[in-house]
Amino acid sequence: MKILGIDPGVNRVGYGLIEKKDTASREEVLLSGTIIPPARLKYEAKLEFILSNFDRLLEENQPDIIAIEEIYLGKNVQVTLKIGQITGILAGASVRKGIPFKLLSAREVKQNITGTGAATKEQVRFMLEHLTGYRNFQGMDESDAVAVAVSYLTYKKENDLLHLR
């Protein structure tokens, strides 16, 4: 199973693609990166830049599912609304390509990776490096995105267990 994790933002959208081949194998980080629209672009053009790069990412990597970190209410309501819009266009692109998506809260991601929903970004990154063996993150946006992807596996495992008959 290939899972694309997304950490949405207005000026930076982190992504991380992982693969889990079977229940006994370790999660393998296939790639991670950040979509960074040029700062000079107006907001609408940034959306276009993010969407076209996201579409290319989907086409080149064919994930089985996309896990997106859900927006939380921040101090700046306008930024929060814009990140929500970006989340919406990414979810819409997923639907258009026929790829299911799941929204996960930052607290869920931290809980699933470290065991506590109050973990710092550094603690999450440390645990990710331990869990995956991957140490080539170029920034927190990338490690956050991979954390979302890895966290999805915990969500899926719990959800599968709840629906056993």
N, C-alpha and C. Protein backbone atom coordinates (compact mmCIF):
# COMPACT_ATOMS: atom_id res chain seq x y z
N MET A 1 0.84 -1.17 0.00
CA MET A 1 0.00 0.00 0.00
C MET A 1 0.88 1.24 0.00
N LYS A 2 0.60 2.16 -0.92
CA LYS A 2 1.32 3.43 -1.00
C LYS A 2 0.42 4.54 -0.47
N ILE A 3 0.95 5.28 0.50
CA ILE A 3 0.19 6.34 1.16
C ILE A 3 0.92 7.65 0.95
N LEU A 4 0.21 8.64 0.44
CA LEU A 4 0.78 9.98 0.28
C LEU A 4 0.26 10.84 1.42
N GLY A 5 1.17 11.30 2.27
CA GLY A 5 0.81 12.19 3.37
C GLY A 5 1.01 13.63 2.95
N ILE A 6 0.10 14.50 3.38
CA ILE A 6 0.14 15.90 3.01
C ILE A 6 0.03 16.78 4.26
N ASP A 7 0.94 17.77 4.32
CA ASP A 7 0.89 18.81 5.36
C ASP A 7 0.61 20.13 4.64
N PRO A 8 -0.69 20.54 4.58
CA PRO A 8 -1.02 21.71 3.78
C PRO A 8 -0.65 23.03 4.44
N GLY A 9 -0.30 24.00 3.60
CA GLY A 9 0.00 25.35 4.04
C GLY A 9 -0.16 26.30 2.87
N VAL A 10 -0.24 27.58 3.16
CA VAL A 10 -0.42 28.57 2.10
C VAL A 10 0.84 28.73 1.27
N ASN A 11 1.97 28.76 1.92
CA ASN A 11 3.24 28.99 1.22
C ASN A 11 4.09 27.75 1.08
N ARG A 12 3.71 26.67 1.73
CA ARG A 12 4.47 25.42 1.68
C ARG A 12 3.52 24.25 1.90
N VAL A 13 3.53 23.31 0.98
CA VAL A 13 2.74 22.09 1.14
C VAL A 13 3.72 20.93 1.18
N GLY A 14 3.87 20.35 2.36
CA GLY A 14 4.77 19.22 2.51
C GLY A 14 4.09 17.94 2.04
N TYR A 15 4.90 17.04 1.46
CA TYR A 15 4.36 15.75 1.06
C TYR A 15 5.37 14.65 1.37
N GLY A 16 4.84 13.48 1.61
CA GLY A 16 5.68 12.32 1.88
C GLY A 16 4.98 11.06 1.42
N LEU A 17 5.65 10.27 0.62
CA LEU A 17 5.08 9.04 0.10
C LEU A 17 5.75 7.87 0.80
N ILE A 18 4.93 7.03 1.42
CA ILE A 18 5.47 5.84 2.08
C ILE A 18 4.82 4.60 1.47
N GLU A 19 5.48 3.48 1.70
CA GLU A 19 4.92 2.21 1.26
C GLU A 19 5.03 1.21 2.39
N LYS A 20 3.96 0.47 2.58
CA LYS A 20 3.92 -0.61 3.57
C LYS A 20 3.53 -1.85 2.80
N LYS A 21 4.49 -2.77 2.66
CA LYS A 21 4.26 -3.95 1.82
C LYS A 21 3.46 -5.03 2.52
N ASP A 22 3.70 -5.22 3.80
CA ASP A 22 2.93 -6.22 4.56
C ASP A 22 3.00 -5.85 6.03
N THR A 23 2.28 -6.58 6.85
CA THR A 23 2.20 -6.24 8.27
C THR A 23 3.53 -6.38 9.00
N ALA A 24 4.42 -7.22 8.48
CA ALA A 24 5.70 -7.44 9.15
C ALA A 24 6.77 -6.44 8.72
N SER A 25 6.56 -5.74 7.62
CA SER A 25 7.60 -4.86 7.10
C SER A 25 7.52 -3.48 7.72
N ARG A 26 8.65 -2.79 7.67
CA ARG A 26 8.76 -1.43 8.14
C ARG A 26 8.21 -0.49 7.06
N GLU A 27 7.67 0.63 7.48
CA GLU A 27 7.23 1.63 6.52
C GLU A 27 8.45 2.15 5.78
N GLU A 28 8.38 2.19 4.46
CA GLU A 28 9.50 2.70 3.66
C GLU A 28 9.13 4.06 3.10
N VAL A 29 9.96 5.06 3.36
CA VAL A 29 9.74 6.39 2.79
C VAL A 29 10.29 6.37 1.37
N LEU A 30 9.40 6.53 0.40
CA LEU A 30 9.80 6.51 -1.00
C LEU A 30 10.27 7.88 -1.47
N LEU A 31 9.62 8.94 -0.99
CA LEU A 31 10.05 10.29 -1.30
C LEU A 31 9.38 11.26 -0.37
N SER A 32 10.01 12.41 -0.23
CA SER A 32 9.41 13.50 0.54
C SER A 32 9.87 14.80 -0.11
N GLY A 33 9.06 15.82 0.06
CA GLY A 33 9.40 17.11 -0.53
C GLY A 33 8.41 18.17 -0.12
N THR A 34 8.55 19.33 -0.73
CA THR A 34 7.68 20.45 -0.42
C THR A 34 7.32 21.18 -1.71
N ILE A 35 6.07 21.46 -1.88
CA ILE A 35 5.61 22.31 -2.99
C ILE A 35 5.65 23.74 -2.47
N ILE A 36 6.48 24.58 -3.09
CA ILE A 36 6.65 25.96 -2.64
C ILE A 36 6.34 26.91 -3.79
N PRO A 37 5.16 27.53 -3.76
CA PRO A 37 4.85 28.50 -4.83
C PRO A 37 5.73 29.74 -4.67
N PRO A 38 6.10 30.37 -5.78
CA PRO A 38 6.89 31.60 -5.69
C PRO A 38 6.17 32.65 -4.85
N ALA A 39 6.90 33.33 -3.99
CA ALA A 39 6.32 34.31 -3.06
C ALA A 39 5.64 35.46 -3.80
N ARG A 40 6.09 35.79 -4.98
CA ARG A 40 5.55 36.93 -5.73
C ARG A 40 4.14 36.67 -6.27
N LEU A 41 3.71 35.41 -6.30
CA LEU A 41 2.41 35.08 -6.86
C LEU A 41 1.28 35.55 -5.95
N LYS A 42 0.17 35.95 -6.59
CA LYS A 42 -1.04 36.26 -5.84
C LYS A 42 -1.62 34.93 -5.35
N TYR A 43 -2.52 35.02 -4.38
CA TYR A 43 -3.08 33.82 -3.75
C TYR A 43 -3.67 32.86 -4.78
N GLU A 44 -4.46 33.36 -5.71
CA GLU A 44 -5.10 32.50 -6.71
C GLU A 44 -4.06 31.77 -7.55
N ALA A 45 -2.98 32.46 -7.90
CA ALA A 45 -1.91 31.83 -8.68
C ALA A 45 -1.16 30.80 -7.84
N LYS A 46 -1.06 31.04 -6.54
CA LYS A 46 -0.44 30.04 -5.66
C LYS A 46 -1.28 28.77 -5.64
N LEU A 47 -2.61 28.93 -5.61
CA LEU A 47 -3.49 27.76 -5.65
C LEU A 47 -3.27 26.97 -6.93
N GLU A 48 -3.17 27.66 -8.04
CA GLU A 48 -2.92 27.01 -9.33
C GLU A 48 -1.60 26.26 -9.32
N PHE A 49 -0.56 26.89 -8.78
CA PHE A 49 0.77 26.29 -8.70
C PHE A 49 0.73 25.02 -7.85
N ILE A 50 0.10 25.12 -6.68
CA ILE A 50 0.00 23.97 -5.77
C ILE A 50 -0.77 22.84 -6.44
N LEU A 51 -1.91 23.16 -7.05
CA LEU A 51 -2.74 22.14 -7.67
C LEU A 51 -2.03 21.45 -8.83
N SER A 52 -1.37 22.21 -9.69
CA SER A 52 -0.70 21.58 -10.83
C SER A 52 0.45 20.68 -10.37
N ASN A 53 1.18 21.10 -9.34
CA ASN A 53 2.27 20.26 -8.82
C ASN A 53 1.72 19.04 -8.10
N PHE A 54 0.60 19.19 -7.40
CA PHE A 54 -0.04 18.07 -6.73
C PHE A 54 -0.54 17.05 -7.75
N ASP A 55 -1.17 17.53 -8.81
CA ASP A 55 -1.63 16.63 -9.88
C ASP A 55 -0.47 15.83 -10.45
N ARG A 56 0.64 16.49 -10.69
CA ARG A 56 1.83 15.81 -11.23
C ARG A 56 2.34 14.76 -10.24
N LEU A 57 2.33 15.10 -8.98
CA LEU A 57 2.76 14.16 -7.93
C LEU A 57 1.88 12.91 -7.93
N LEU A 58 0.57 13.10 -8.08
CA LEU A 58 -0.35 11.97 -8.11
C LEU A 58 -0.12 11.10 -9.35
N GLU A 59 0.04 11.74 -10.48
CA GLU A 59 0.25 11.00 -11.73
C GLU A 59 1.55 10.20 -11.71
N GLU A 60 2.60 10.79 -11.19
CA GLU A 60 3.91 10.12 -11.19
C GLU A 60 4.01 9.00 -10.16
N ASN A 61 3.24 9.08 -9.08
CA ASN A 61 3.43 8.14 -7.97
C ASN A 61 2.26 7.20 -7.69
N GLN A 62 1.10 7.49 -8.21
CA GLN A 62 -0.07 6.61 -8.09
C GLN A 62 -0.29 6.06 -6.67
N PRO A 63 -0.50 6.94 -5.67
CA PRO A 63 -0.75 6.42 -4.32
C PRO A 63 -2.09 5.71 -4.24
N ASP A 64 -2.21 4.81 -3.27
CA ASP A 64 -3.47 4.10 -3.04
C ASP A 64 -4.44 4.94 -2.22
N ILE A 65 -3.87 5.81 -1.38
CA ILE A 65 -4.70 6.70 -0.55
C ILE A 65 -3.89 7.94 -0.23
N ILE A 66 -4.60 9.02 0.06
CA ILE A 66 -3.96 10.27 0.43
C ILE A 66 -4.44 10.62 1.83
N ALA A 67 -3.50 10.87 2.73
CA ALA A 67 -3.81 11.27 4.11
C ALA A 67 -3.41 12.75 4.25
N ILE A 68 -4.36 13.57 4.63
CA ILE A 68 -4.14 15.02 4.70
C ILE A 68 -4.32 15.48 6.15
N GLU A 69 -3.35 16.26 6.62
CA GLU A 69 -3.51 16.80 7.97
C GLU A 69 -4.62 17.84 7.96
N GLU A 70 -5.56 17.65 8.86
CA GLU A 70 -6.72 18.52 8.95
C GLU A 70 -6.33 19.85 9.58
N ILE A 71 -6.95 20.90 9.12
CA ILE A 71 -6.67 22.24 9.63
C ILE A 71 -7.25 22.39 11.05
N TYR A 72 -6.57 23.11 11.86
CA TYR A 72 -7.06 23.44 13.19
C TYR A 72 -7.21 24.95 13.24
N LEU A 73 -8.02 25.44 14.14
CA LEU A 73 -8.23 26.88 14.24
C LEU A 73 -7.00 27.52 14.85
N GLY A 74 -6.30 28.30 14.04
CA GLY A 74 -5.10 28.98 14.50
C GLY A 74 -5.43 30.38 15.00
N LYS A 75 -4.39 31.12 15.32
CA LYS A 75 -4.58 32.49 15.82
C LYS A 75 -5.07 33.42 14.72
N ASN A 76 -4.62 33.19 13.48
CA ASN A 76 -5.00 34.04 12.37
C ASN A 76 -6.10 33.34 11.57
N VAL A 77 -7.32 33.83 11.69
CA VAL A 77 -8.47 33.20 11.05
C VAL A 77 -8.33 33.22 9.54
N GLN A 78 -7.80 34.29 8.96
CA GLN A 78 -7.65 34.37 7.51
C GLN A 78 -6.70 33.29 6.98
N VAL A 79 -5.61 33.06 7.68
CA VAL A 79 -4.66 32.01 7.27
C VAL A 79 -5.33 30.64 7.42
N THR A 80 -6.05 30.45 8.51
CA THR A 80 -6.75 29.19 8.73
C THR A 80 -7.74 28.92 7.59
N LEU A 81 -8.49 29.93 7.18
CA LEU A 81 -9.43 29.76 6.07
C LEU A 81 -8.71 29.41 4.78
N LYS A 82 -7.59 30.05 4.51
CA LYS A 82 -6.84 29.77 3.28
C LYS A 82 -6.28 28.35 3.29
N ILE A 83 -5.79 27.90 4.43
CA ILE A 83 -5.28 26.53 4.51
C ILE A 83 -6.44 25.55 4.31
N GLY A 84 -7.61 25.89 4.83
CA GLY A 84 -8.80 25.07 4.60
C GLY A 84 -9.15 25.00 3.12
N GLN A 85 -9.00 26.11 2.41
CA GLN A 85 -9.26 26.12 0.97
C GLN A 85 -8.25 25.24 0.23
N ILE A 86 -7.00 25.32 0.63
CA ILE A 86 -5.97 24.49 0.01
C ILE A 86 -6.25 23.02 0.29
N THR A 87 -6.62 22.70 1.51
CA THR A 87 -7.01 21.32 1.84
C THR A 87 -8.14 20.87 0.93
N GLY A 88 -9.10 21.74 0.69
CA GLY A 88 -10.23 21.42 -0.17
C GLY A 88 -9.82 21.14 -1.62
N ILE A 89 -8.90 21.95 -2.15
CA ILE A 89 -8.51 21.69 -3.54
C ILE A 89 -7.69 20.40 -3.64
N LEU A 90 -6.91 20.09 -2.61
CA LEU A 90 -6.14 18.84 -2.63
C LEU A 90 -7.08 17.63 -2.51
N ALA A 91 -8.08 17.75 -1.64
CA ALA A 91 -9.07 16.67 -1.52
C ALA A 91 -9.85 16.53 -2.82
N GLY A 92 -10.22 17.65 -3.44
CA GLY A 92 -10.93 17.61 -4.72
C GLY A 92 -10.10 16.97 -5.82
N ALA A 93 -8.81 17.27 -5.85
CA ALA A 93 -7.92 16.65 -6.85
C ALA A 93 -7.86 15.14 -6.62
N SER A 94 -7.86 14.73 -5.37
CA SER A 94 -7.84 13.29 -5.04
C SER A 94 -9.09 12.62 -5.56
N VAL A 95 -10.24 13.24 -5.32
CA VAL A 95 -11.52 12.68 -5.77
C VAL A 95 -11.54 12.61 -7.30
N ARG A 96 -11.08 13.68 -7.94
CA ARG A 96 -11.07 13.73 -9.40
C ARG A 96 -10.22 12.61 -10.00
N LYS A 97 -9.14 12.23 -9.32
CA LYS A 97 -8.26 11.16 -9.79
C LYS A 97 -8.73 9.78 -9.33
N GLY A 98 -9.79 9.74 -8.52
CA GLY A 98 -10.31 8.46 -8.04
C GLY A 98 -9.48 7.86 -6.92
N ILE A 99 -8.76 8.70 -6.19
CA ILE A 99 -7.93 8.24 -5.08
C ILE A 99 -8.62 8.65 -3.77
N PRO A 100 -8.93 7.69 -2.90
CA PRO A 100 -9.58 8.07 -1.63
C PRO A 100 -8.64 8.90 -0.76
N PHE A 101 -9.23 9.72 0.10
CA PHE A 101 -8.43 10.52 1.03
C PHE A 101 -9.03 10.42 2.42
N LYS A 102 -8.19 10.70 3.41
CA LYS A 102 -8.60 10.71 4.81
C LYS A 102 -7.99 11.93 5.47
N LEU A 103 -8.78 12.67 6.21
CA LEU A 103 -8.30 13.80 6.99
C LEU A 103 -7.96 13.32 8.39
N LEU A 104 -6.79 13.69 8.87
CA LEU A 104 -6.36 13.35 10.23
C LEU A 104 -5.95 14.63 10.96
N SER A 105 -6.37 14.76 12.19
CA SER A 105 -6.01 15.95 12.97
C SER A 105 -4.55 15.87 13.40
N ALA A 106 -3.96 17.03 13.65
CA ALA A 106 -2.57 17.09 14.11
C ALA A 106 -2.42 16.31 15.42
N ARG A 107 -3.40 16.40 16.28
CA ARG A 107 -3.36 15.68 17.55
C ARG A 107 -3.35 14.16 17.33
N GLU A 108 -4.18 13.67 16.40
CA GLU A 108 -4.20 12.24 16.07
C GLU A 108 -2.84 11.79 15.55
N VAL A 109 -2.27 12.60 14.66
CA VAL A 109 -0.97 12.25 14.08
C VAL A 109 0.08 12.14 15.17
N LYS A 110 0.15 13.14 16.03
CA LYS A 110 1.14 13.12 17.12
C LYS A 110 0.92 11.93 18.04
N GLN A 111 -0.34 11.66 18.37
CA GLN A 111 -0.68 10.53 19.24
C GLN A 111 -0.24 9.22 18.60
N ASN A 112 -0.53 9.04 17.32
CA ASN A 112 -0.20 7.79 16.63
C ASN A 112 1.30 7.58 16.47
N ILE A 113 2.06 8.65 16.34
CA ILE A 113 3.50 8.53 16.11
C ILE A 113 4.26 8.43 17.43
N THR A 114 3.91 9.28 18.40
CA THR A 114 4.72 9.36 19.63
C THR A 114 4.04 8.78 20.86
N GLY A 115 2.73 8.61 20.80
CA GLY A 115 2.00 8.14 21.98
C GLY A 115 1.38 9.26 22.78
N THR A 116 1.64 10.52 22.38
CA THR A 116 1.02 11.66 23.05
C THR A 116 0.61 12.70 22.03
N GLY A 117 -0.60 13.21 22.17
CA GLY A 117 -1.10 14.22 21.26
C GLY A 117 -0.49 15.59 21.46
N ALA A 118 0.33 15.74 22.51
CA ALA A 118 0.96 17.02 22.82
C ALA A 118 2.44 17.05 22.41
N ALA A 119 2.88 16.10 21.62
CA ALA A 119 4.30 16.03 21.23
C ALA A 119 4.70 17.23 20.37
N THR A 120 5.98 17.57 20.45
CA THR A 120 6.50 18.65 19.60
C THR A 120 6.82 18.09 18.22
N LYS A 121 7.01 18.99 17.26
CA LYS A 121 7.39 18.58 15.91
C LYS A 121 8.72 17.82 15.93
N GLU A 122 9.62 18.24 16.79
CA GLU A 122 10.92 17.59 16.89
C GLU A 122 10.79 16.16 17.43
N GLN A 123 9.91 15.98 18.40
CA GLN A 123 9.67 14.62 18.94
C GLN A 123 9.05 13.72 17.87
N VAL A 124 8.13 14.26 17.09
CA VAL A 124 7.51 13.49 16.01
C VAL A 124 8.57 13.09 14.99
N ARG A 125 9.41 14.03 14.61
CA ARG A 125 10.46 13.74 13.63
C ARG A 125 11.43 12.68 14.15
N PHE A 126 11.81 12.78 15.41
CA PHE A 126 12.71 11.80 16.02
C PHE A 126 12.11 10.40 15.94
N MET A 127 10.83 10.27 16.30
CA MET A 127 10.17 8.97 16.26
C MET A 127 10.03 8.46 14.84
N LEU A 128 9.75 9.36 13.89
CA LEU A 128 9.66 8.96 12.48
C LEU A 128 10.98 8.37 12.00
N GLU A 129 12.07 9.03 12.35
CA GLU A 129 13.39 8.53 11.95
C GLU A 129 13.63 7.15 12.54
N HIS A 130 13.19 6.95 13.77
CA HIS A 130 13.33 5.65 14.43
C HIS A 130 12.45 4.59 13.76
N LEU A 131 11.20 4.95 13.46
CA LEU A 131 10.25 4.00 12.88
C LEU A 131 10.58 3.61 11.44
N THR A 132 11.03 4.59 10.65
CA THR A 132 11.23 4.35 9.22
C THR A 132 12.69 4.17 8.82
N GLY A 133 13.60 4.67 9.63
CA GLY A 133 15.01 4.65 9.26
C GLY A 133 15.39 5.75 8.28
N TYR A 134 14.44 6.58 7.91
CA TYR A 134 14.66 7.66 6.93
C TYR A 134 15.14 8.91 7.66
N ARG A 135 16.24 9.47 7.19
CA ARG A 135 16.82 10.64 7.87
C ARG A 135 17.14 11.78 6.90
N ASN A 136 16.48 11.80 5.76
CA ASN A 136 16.80 12.80 4.74
C ASN A 136 15.76 13.91 4.62
N PHE A 137 15.06 14.19 5.68
CA PHE A 137 14.06 15.26 5.64
C PHE A 137 14.77 16.61 5.47
N GLN A 138 14.24 17.41 4.55
CA GLN A 138 14.81 18.73 4.31
C GLN A 138 14.13 19.83 5.12
N GLY A 139 13.09 19.49 5.83
CA GLY A 139 12.39 20.48 6.65
C GLY A 139 11.23 19.83 7.38
N MET A 140 10.63 20.60 8.25
CA MET A 140 9.52 20.09 9.06
C MET A 140 8.28 19.81 8.22
N ASP A 141 8.09 20.53 7.11
CA ASP A 141 6.93 20.26 6.27
C ASP A 141 6.98 18.83 5.74
N GLU A 142 8.17 18.38 5.35
CA GLU A 142 8.34 17.02 4.84
C GLU A 142 8.11 15.98 5.95
N SER A 143 8.74 16.19 7.08
CA SER A 143 8.59 15.20 8.16
C SER A 143 7.15 15.18 8.68
N ASP A 144 6.50 16.33 8.72
CA ASP A 144 5.09 16.36 9.13
C ASP A 144 4.23 15.57 8.15
N ALA A 145 4.50 15.70 6.86
CA ALA A 145 3.73 14.98 5.84
C ALA A 145 3.93 13.47 5.95
N VAL A 146 5.17 13.06 6.17
CA VAL A 146 5.44 11.62 6.33
C VAL A 146 4.76 11.12 7.61
N ALA A 147 4.75 11.95 8.64
CA ALA A 147 4.07 11.56 9.88
C ALA A 147 2.58 11.33 9.63
N VAL A 148 1.98 12.16 8.79
CA VAL A 148 0.55 11.99 8.47
C VAL A 148 0.34 10.65 7.76
N ALA A 149 1.24 10.33 6.82
CA ALA A 149 1.13 9.05 6.09
C ALA A 149 1.30 7.86 7.03
N VAL A 150 2.30 7.90 7.88
CA VAL A 150 2.54 6.79 8.81
C VAL A 150 1.38 6.69 9.80
N SER A 151 0.88 7.83 10.24
CA SER A 151 -0.25 7.85 11.17
C SER A 151 -1.49 7.22 10.55
N TYR A 152 -1.66 7.38 9.26
CA TYR A 152 -2.80 6.77 8.59
C TYR A 152 -2.80 5.25 8.79
N LEU A 153 -1.62 4.65 8.78
CA LEU A 153 -1.55 3.19 8.97
C LEU A 153 -2.10 2.78 10.33
N THR A 154 -1.84 3.57 11.36
CA THR A 154 -2.40 3.29 12.68
C THR A 154 -3.91 3.45 12.65
N TYR A 155 -4.37 4.52 12.02
CA TYR A 155 -5.82 4.73 11.88
C TYR A 155 -6.46 3.54 11.16
N LYS A 156 -5.86 3.12 10.04
CA LYS A 156 -6.41 2.02 9.24
C LYS A 156 -6.44 0.72 10.05
N LYS A 157 -5.37 0.46 10.77
CA LYS A 157 -5.30 -0.77 11.57
C LYS A 157 -6.41 -0.78 12.62
N GLU A 158 -6.58 0.35 13.32
CA GLU A 158 -7.63 0.44 14.34
C GLU A 158 -9.01 0.33 13.70
N ASN A 159 -9.21 0.99 12.58
CA ASN A 159 -10.50 0.95 11.89
C ASN A 159 -10.81 -0.47 11.39
N ASP A 160 -9.80 -1.16 10.86
CA ASP A 160 -10.00 -2.53 10.41
C ASP A 160 -10.38 -3.45 11.57
N LEU A 161 -9.75 -3.25 12.72
CA LEU A 161 -10.06 -4.07 13.88
C LEU A 161 -11.48 -3.84 14.38
N LEU A 162 -11.95 -2.60 14.28
CA LEU A 162 -13.30 -2.28 14.74
C LEU A 162 -14.37 -2.89 13.84
N HIS A 163 -14.00 -3.15 12.60
CA HIS A 163 -14.98 -3.65 11.64
C HIS A 163 -14.83 -5.13 11.31
N LEU A 164 -14.11 -5.86 12.15
CA LEU A 164 -14.01 -7.31 11.96
C LEU A 164 -15.33 -7.96 12.33
N ARG A 165 -15.65 -9.00 11.66
CA ARG A 165 -16.91 -9.69 11.97
C ARG A 165 -16.64 -11.06 12.45
